[in-house]
Amino acid sequence: MNVRRLIPTTAVAGAVGLGLLAVSACSTSDAAERTDDGRLKVVASFYPMQYLAERIGGANVSVTTLTKPGVEPHDLELKPRQTAELNDSGFILYLKGVQPAVDKAIEQASVAHKVDAAELTTMESFGTGGGHDHSHEGEDGHAHEEGDGHAHEEGHEEAGGEAGHEGHDHTTEGGADPHIWLDPAKYAEVAQGVGARMEKADPDHAAEYKKNTEALVAELTALDKDFEQGLKNTATRTFITTHSAFGYLAEAYGLEQEGISGVAPESEPSPARIKELQTIAAKDKVTTVFFETLASDRTAKTLAKDTGLKTDVLDPLEGITDKSRGDDYTEVMRSNLAALQKALGAK
């Protein structure tokens, strides 16, 4: 007896139909994750993540950022169109703890490849004065020497510190500072992790992602060395800034950050803090109060006027606008280096 003839015709038709539906579903999913010309759709939460996605992805990705130029990223509220962009993407790159609304939307998005940059390096906590309050246990390749300058251990490996970082008050869980991109060496660790994840998400172009990652890491390593050498010998090691975003940078190069406000740029300093900063400025021979491009400069200018100090821009690079001192991350960071050298009296 021909066993196959015992299978009802309707069952065969149903099986074929299910197969076609499965193929159709896969095709629809693949189409949603890619542009018409086959590029991987990438959504980045804000500029530091956008820069990594564009540099590593190159011609093989189409990058959309949720935070438009000129928008303060911490306060971003997503529109329905942006939520739809998240769900239609094939790769999401974000930094948990910076943008609570974004974190929530990404958590709910049904996307296979979601990468939190906070899991690709070691996060740290800093006080208003820039000193960190937990150890570097498990950290690869980022050692700080007290006194003049700093040292990075050779051979950055692909970072993979696992941690859950729930955002509140613009810090990660436990009060960790999210501004990891302001230390080029730490940013390079993140770049390595992003490159590896992008290779996994789009294996057909893995070799290109690897090549682009290596080029970017080399560029960031050179930038790190320039900061190290450029800030090695200075008249003072202390700088004052409105937004306490530069804890990683200060630690990496042996500097002392004194923030007018905390990690959140909108927080107001107390009268006691203002008086303390005036004392610090006199004691440490501070010359300059730094402000930034995306937040009010009122407090910085008031403090500078009351203490007879100069003002200048130190950009936390949360976004690029026509007011930025450079067209991309590297250019603005080099402008930051020049501003710090001038303010600190580099020799």
Protein backbone atom coordinates (compact mmCIF):
# COMPACT_ATOMS: atom_id res chain seq x y z
CA MET A 1 0.00 0.00 0.00
CA ASN A 2 1.20 3.45 -0.80
CA VAL A 3 1.27 5.13 2.60
CA ARG A 4 1.52 8.57 1.09
CA ARG A 5 -1.91 8.15 -0.52
CA LEU A 6 -3.45 7.84 2.98
CA ILE A 7 -2.61 11.51 3.74
CA PRO A 8 -5.71 13.59 3.04
CA THR A 9 -5.41 16.16 0.28
CA THR A 10 -6.59 18.90 2.66
CA ALA A 11 -3.78 18.05 5.11
CA VAL A 12 -1.20 18.35 2.36
CA ALA A 13 -2.65 21.67 1.29
CA GLY A 14 -2.60 22.87 4.92
CA ALA A 15 1.01 21.87 5.40
CA VAL A 16 2.04 23.64 2.21
CA GLY A 17 0.11 26.69 3.34
CA LEU A 18 1.87 26.75 6.71
CA GLY A 19 5.21 26.46 4.98
CA LEU A 20 4.43 29.39 2.73
CA LEU A 21 3.30 31.44 5.73
CA ALA A 22 6.55 30.66 7.53
CA VAL A 23 8.63 31.70 4.52
CA SER A 24 6.50 34.80 4.10
CA ALA A 25 6.91 35.73 7.77
CA CYS A 26 10.68 35.34 7.56
CA SER A 27 10.80 37.40 4.38
CA THR A 28 8.68 40.13 5.95
CA SER A 29 10.89 40.15 9.04
CA ASP A 30 14.06 40.34 6.96
CA ALA A 31 12.57 43.11 4.86
CA ALA A 32 11.66 45.11 7.97
CA GLU A 33 15.22 44.84 9.26
CA ARG A 34 16.80 46.08 6.02
CA THR A 35 16.46 48.93 3.58
CA ASP A 36 15.36 48.36 -0.02
CA ASP A 37 19.01 48.20 -1.07
CA GLY A 38 19.83 45.57 1.55
CA ARG A 39 21.51 47.64 4.26
CA LEU A 40 20.97 46.70 7.91
CA LYS A 41 18.65 49.15 9.67
CA VAL A 42 20.38 50.46 12.79
CA VAL A 43 18.77 52.72 15.41
CA ALA A 44 21.12 54.60 17.75
CA SER A 45 19.85 56.29 20.90
CA PHE A 46 21.99 59.46 20.73
CA TYR A 47 25.14 60.83 19.13
CA PRO A 48 27.93 58.79 20.81
CA MET A 49 26.11 55.61 19.81
CA GLN A 50 25.30 56.98 16.34
CA TYR A 51 28.99 57.72 15.73
CA LEU A 52 30.00 54.15 16.58
CA ALA A 53 27.25 52.67 14.40
CA GLU A 54 28.17 54.82 11.40
CA ARG A 55 31.91 54.27 11.67
CA ILE A 56 31.70 50.53 12.24
CA GLY A 57 28.74 49.83 9.96
CA GLY A 58 30.00 51.94 7.07
CA ALA A 59 28.22 51.40 3.76
CA ASN A 60 26.46 48.26 4.99
CA VAL A 61 24.12 50.00 7.44
CA SER A 62 21.49 52.71 7.47
CA VAL A 63 21.68 54.55 10.79
CA THR A 64 18.83 56.49 12.37
CA THR A 65 19.29 58.39 15.63
CA LEU A 66 16.47 58.94 18.11
CA THR A 67 18.00 62.19 19.40
CA LYS A 68 18.13 64.88 16.77
CA PRO A 69 20.92 67.52 16.71
CA GLY A 70 20.38 70.23 19.33
CA VAL A 71 18.09 68.12 21.52
CA GLU A 72 19.26 67.55 25.11
CA PRO A 73 19.35 63.71 25.17
CA HIS A 74 18.57 63.23 28.88
CA ASP A 75 15.07 64.68 28.50
CA LEU A 76 14.08 62.98 25.24
CA GLU A 77 10.50 61.72 24.95
CA LEU A 78 9.85 59.41 22.01
CA LYS A 79 7.21 60.04 19.37
CA PRO A 80 5.13 57.14 17.97
CA ARG A 81 7.12 57.31 14.72
CA GLN A 82 10.36 56.77 16.61
CA THR A 83 8.93 53.80 18.50
CA ALA A 84 7.94 52.32 15.13
CA GLU A 85 11.52 52.86 13.88
CA LEU A 86 12.79 50.84 16.83
CA ASN A 87 10.51 47.90 16.05
CA ASP A 88 11.38 47.97 12.33
CA SER A 89 15.14 47.94 12.90
CA GLY A 90 17.54 45.03 12.80
CA PHE A 91 20.03 46.42 15.32
CA ILE A 92 19.61 48.83 18.26
CA LEU A 93 22.57 50.51 19.95
CA TYR A 94 21.99 52.48 23.14
CA LEU A 95 23.48 53.34 26.53
CA LYS A 96 21.16 52.35 29.33
CA GLY A 97 20.75 54.95 32.05
CA VAL A 98 21.06 58.08 29.90
CA GLN A 99 17.52 58.25 28.50
CA PRO A 100 14.81 56.57 30.63
CA ALA A 101 12.10 56.88 27.94
CA VAL A 102 14.40 55.27 25.39
CA ASP A 103 15.35 52.46 27.78
CA LYS A 104 11.70 51.62 28.32
CA ALA A 105 10.86 51.61 24.59
CA ILE A 106 13.86 49.44 23.74
CA GLU A 107 12.97 46.96 26.46
CA GLN A 108 9.55 46.51 24.81
CA ALA A 109 10.87 46.36 21.23
CA SER A 110 10.84 42.93 19.55
CA VAL A 111 14.27 43.20 17.95
CA ALA A 112 16.79 40.36 18.03
CA HIS A 113 19.92 42.49 18.26
CA LYS A 114 19.79 45.07 21.06
CA VAL A 115 23.18 46.23 22.34
CA ASP A 116 23.62 48.17 25.59
CA ALA A 117 27.00 49.92 25.54
CA ALA A 118 27.03 49.90 29.36
CA GLU A 119 27.60 46.13 29.19
CA LEU A 120 30.69 46.50 26.99
CA THR A 121 32.96 48.23 29.49
CA THR A 122 33.35 48.77 33.23
CA MET A 123 31.11 51.52 34.62
CA GLU A 124 32.26 53.71 37.51
CA SER A 125 30.79 56.19 39.96
CA PHE A 126 32.16 59.67 40.58
CA GLY A 127 31.46 62.38 43.11
CA THR A 128 30.97 66.02 42.11
CA GLY A 129 34.72 66.43 42.38
CA GLY A 130 35.42 63.62 39.93
CA GLY A 131 36.78 60.96 42.31
CA HIS A 132 35.45 57.46 41.70
CA ASP A 133 34.08 55.41 44.56
CA HIS A 134 34.50 51.82 43.44
CA SER A 135 37.36 49.67 42.31
CA HIS A 136 38.41 48.69 38.80
CA GLU A 137 38.13 44.99 39.52
CA GLY A 138 37.80 43.10 36.27
CA GLU A 139 38.56 46.08 34.08
CA ASP A 140 40.70 45.47 31.00
CA GLY A 141 43.37 47.88 29.96
CA HIS A 142 42.60 51.16 31.69
CA ALA A 143 44.86 51.84 34.63
CA HIS A 144 45.23 55.27 36.20
CA GLU A 145 48.46 56.56 37.69
CA GLU A 146 48.22 59.22 40.36
CA GLY A 147 50.07 62.46 39.79
CA ASP A 148 51.16 63.45 36.32
CA GLY A 149 49.27 61.84 33.50
CA HIS A 150 47.97 58.30 33.35
CA ALA A 151 48.78 54.92 31.88
CA HIS A 152 46.72 52.51 29.81
CA GLU A 153 47.77 48.89 29.93
CA GLU A 154 48.60 47.49 26.54
CA GLY A 155 46.31 45.17 24.65
CA HIS A 156 42.68 46.14 25.08
CA GLU A 157 40.64 42.96 24.87
CA GLU A 158 37.02 42.82 23.82
CA ALA A 159 35.15 44.09 26.86
CA GLY A 160 32.29 42.06 28.18
CA GLY A 161 31.47 43.13 31.72
CA GLU A 162 27.94 41.91 32.46
CA ALA A 163 25.73 44.18 34.51
CA GLY A 164 22.18 45.38 34.62
CA HIS A 165 21.95 49.17 34.58
CA GLU A 166 18.57 50.63 35.47
CA GLY A 167 18.54 54.34 34.76
CA HIS A 168 17.64 57.08 37.22
CA ASP A 169 18.76 60.69 37.38
CA HIS A 170 20.94 60.17 34.30
CA THR A 171 23.13 57.59 36.01
CA THR A 172 23.19 53.83 35.74
CA GLU A 173 22.34 51.47 38.57
CA GLY A 174 24.24 52.28 41.73
CA GLY A 175 24.87 55.84 40.56
CA ALA A 176 27.39 54.89 37.87
CA ASP A 177 28.33 57.71 35.50
CA PRO A 178 27.19 56.93 31.92
CA HIS A 179 29.62 59.32 30.13
CA ILE A 180 32.01 56.54 29.08
CA TRP A 181 32.61 57.99 25.60
CA LEU A 182 34.58 60.94 27.04
CA ASP A 183 37.51 58.62 27.73
CA PRO A 184 38.80 57.55 24.29
CA ALA A 185 40.27 54.30 25.62
CA LYS A 186 37.01 53.29 27.27
CA TYR A 187 35.11 54.31 24.13
CA ALA A 188 37.46 52.04 22.15
CA GLU A 189 36.47 49.12 24.39
CA VAL A 190 32.83 49.82 23.58
CA ALA A 191 33.66 50.06 19.88
CA GLN A 192 35.23 46.58 19.98
CA GLY A 193 32.11 45.17 21.59
CA VAL A 194 29.79 46.89 19.12
CA GLY A 195 31.85 45.60 16.20
CA ALA A 196 31.61 42.01 17.47
CA ARG A 197 27.84 42.31 17.92
CA MET A 198 27.41 43.82 14.45
CA GLU A 199 29.38 40.94 12.93
CA LYS A 200 26.98 38.53 14.61
CA ALA A 201 23.89 40.45 13.46
CA ASP A 202 25.05 40.63 9.83
CA PRO A 203 27.60 37.84 9.22
CA ASP A 204 27.66 38.39 5.46
CA HIS A 205 29.58 41.64 6.08
CA ALA A 206 31.52 40.53 9.17
CA ALA A 207 34.92 41.10 7.55
CA GLU A 208 34.05 44.70 6.73
CA TYR A 209 32.73 45.39 10.23
CA LYS A 210 35.91 43.94 11.71
CA LYS A 211 38.09 46.10 9.47
CA ASN A 212 36.10 49.24 10.29
CA THR A 213 36.27 48.46 14.00
CA GLU A 214 40.03 48.03 13.91
CA ALA A 215 40.43 51.36 12.11
CA LEU A 216 38.24 53.17 14.62
CA VAL A 217 40.00 51.61 17.61
CA ALA A 218 43.36 52.68 16.17
CA GLU A 219 42.05 56.23 15.78
CA LEU A 220 40.73 56.29 19.35
CA THR A 221 43.99 54.88 20.67
CA ALA A 222 45.91 57.68 18.94
CA LEU A 223 43.50 60.23 20.41
CA ASP A 224 44.04 58.76 23.87
CA LYS A 225 47.82 59.07 23.49
CA ASP A 226 47.46 62.69 22.40
CA PHE A 227 45.39 63.46 25.51
CA GLU A 228 47.94 61.69 27.69
CA GLN A 229 50.87 63.61 26.27
CA GLY A 230 49.01 66.90 25.93
CA LEU A 231 47.91 66.93 29.57
CA LYS A 232 51.00 65.38 31.13
CA ASN A 233 52.57 68.61 32.38
CA THR A 234 50.21 71.42 33.38
CA ALA A 235 50.26 74.32 35.85
CA THR A 236 47.09 73.04 37.54
CA ARG A 237 45.24 69.73 37.46
CA THR A 238 41.82 71.13 38.40
CA PHE A 239 39.05 72.31 36.11
CA ILE A 240 35.51 73.54 36.86
CA THR A 241 32.60 72.60 34.64
CA THR A 242 28.84 73.12 34.82
CA HIS A 243 27.97 69.49 34.02
CA SER A 244 29.87 66.78 35.90
CA ALA A 245 30.24 64.68 32.76
CA PHE A 246 34.01 64.43 32.70
CA GLY A 247 34.74 62.01 35.52
CA TYR A 248 36.14 59.31 33.21
CA LEU A 249 38.27 61.84 31.34
CA ALA A 250 39.58 63.35 34.58
CA GLU A 251 40.44 59.96 36.05
CA ALA A 252 42.16 58.79 32.87
CA TYR A 253 44.52 61.75 32.66
CA GLY A 254 45.11 62.53 36.33
CA LEU A 255 42.89 65.60 36.50
CA GLU A 256 40.36 66.82 39.07
CA GLN A 257 36.89 67.69 37.82
CA GLU A 258 34.91 70.12 39.99
CA GLY A 259 31.30 70.20 38.82
CA ILE A 260 28.96 73.08 39.52
CA SER A 261 26.05 70.67 39.17
CA GLY A 262 25.96 66.90 39.27
CA VAL A 263 25.82 64.38 36.44
CA ALA A 264 22.37 65.76 35.55
CA PRO A 265 22.98 69.05 33.69
CA GLU A 266 19.75 70.70 34.86
CA SER A 267 20.44 70.38 38.61
CA GLU A 268 21.05 73.63 40.47
CA PRO A 269 24.07 74.08 42.78
CA SER A 270 23.58 75.13 46.39
CA PRO A 271 25.03 78.39 47.74
CA ALA A 272 27.41 76.28 49.80
CA ARG A 273 28.67 74.55 46.64
CA ILE A 274 29.25 77.88 44.91
CA LYS A 275 31.25 79.12 47.90
CA GLU A 276 33.24 75.87 47.92
CA LEU A 277 34.08 76.28 44.23
CA GLN A 278 35.30 79.82 44.82
CA THR A 279 37.68 78.49 47.48
CA ILE A 280 38.86 75.66 45.21
CA ALA A 281 39.46 78.06 42.32
CA ALA A 282 41.71 80.24 44.45
CA LYS A 283 43.56 77.36 46.07
CA ASP A 284 44.20 75.34 42.88
CA LYS A 285 44.88 78.32 40.61
CA VAL A 286 41.89 77.54 38.36
CA THR A 287 41.67 79.92 35.40
CA THR A 288 38.51 78.85 33.59
CA VAL A 289 34.93 77.80 34.19
CA PHE A 290 33.71 75.50 31.42
CA PHE A 291 30.18 75.35 30.05
CA GLU A 292 28.67 73.27 27.24
CA THR A 293 26.77 73.75 24.01
CA LEU A 294 23.44 72.02 24.82
CA ALA A 295 22.77 73.47 28.30
CA SER A 296 22.47 76.93 29.85
CA ASP A 297 25.71 78.80 30.52
CA ARG A 298 24.12 81.18 33.05
CA THR A 299 25.54 79.57 36.22
CA ALA A 300 29.02 79.18 34.73
CA LYS A 301 29.18 82.81 33.67
CA THR A 302 27.89 84.01 37.05
CA LEU A 303 30.51 81.97 38.91
CA ALA A 304 33.26 83.15 36.55
CA LYS A 305 32.26 86.78 36.98
CA ASP A 306 32.17 86.50 40.78
CA THR A 307 35.61 84.86 40.92
CA GLY A 308 37.33 86.75 38.11
CA LEU A 309 37.75 83.66 35.94
CA LYS A 310 37.45 83.11 32.20
CA THR A 311 34.83 80.93 30.51
CA ASP A 312 35.21 78.43 27.70
CA VAL A 313 33.44 75.43 26.16
CA LEU A 314 34.14 71.84 27.20
CA ASP A 315 31.77 69.74 25.13
CA PRO A 316 30.32 66.53 26.66
CA LEU A 317 29.56 65.41 23.10
CA GLU A 318 25.99 64.38 23.69
CA GLY A 319 25.11 65.84 20.31
CA ILE A 320 26.64 67.67 17.34
CA THR A 321 25.18 71.03 16.24
CA ASP A 322 26.35 74.00 14.18
CA LYS A 323 27.73 75.40 17.46
CA SER A 324 29.97 72.40 18.03
CA ARG A 325 33.72 72.92 17.65
CA GLY A 326 34.05 70.17 15.08
CA ASP A 327 31.98 68.02 12.77
CA ASP A 328 32.34 64.70 14.57
CA TYR A 329 33.47 63.00 17.76
CA THR A 330 37.20 63.10 17.03
CA GLU A 331 37.25 66.76 15.98
CA VAL A 332 35.27 67.90 19.03
CA MET A 333 37.41 65.82 21.38
CA ARG A 334 40.54 67.46 19.95
CA SER A 335 38.89 70.86 20.54
CA ASN A 336 38.26 69.74 24.13
CA LEU A 337 41.92 68.81 24.46
CA ALA A 338 43.01 72.25 23.22
CA ALA A 339 40.60 73.97 25.64
CA LEU A 340 41.89 71.93 28.57
CA GLN A 341 45.53 72.59 27.66
CA LYS A 342 44.85 76.33 27.58
CA ALA A 343 42.87 76.38 30.84
CA LEU A 344 45.27 74.14 32.75
CA GLY A 345 48.43 75.84 31.50
CA ALA A 346 49.91 72.91 29.61
CA LYS A 347 53.68 73.12 29.18
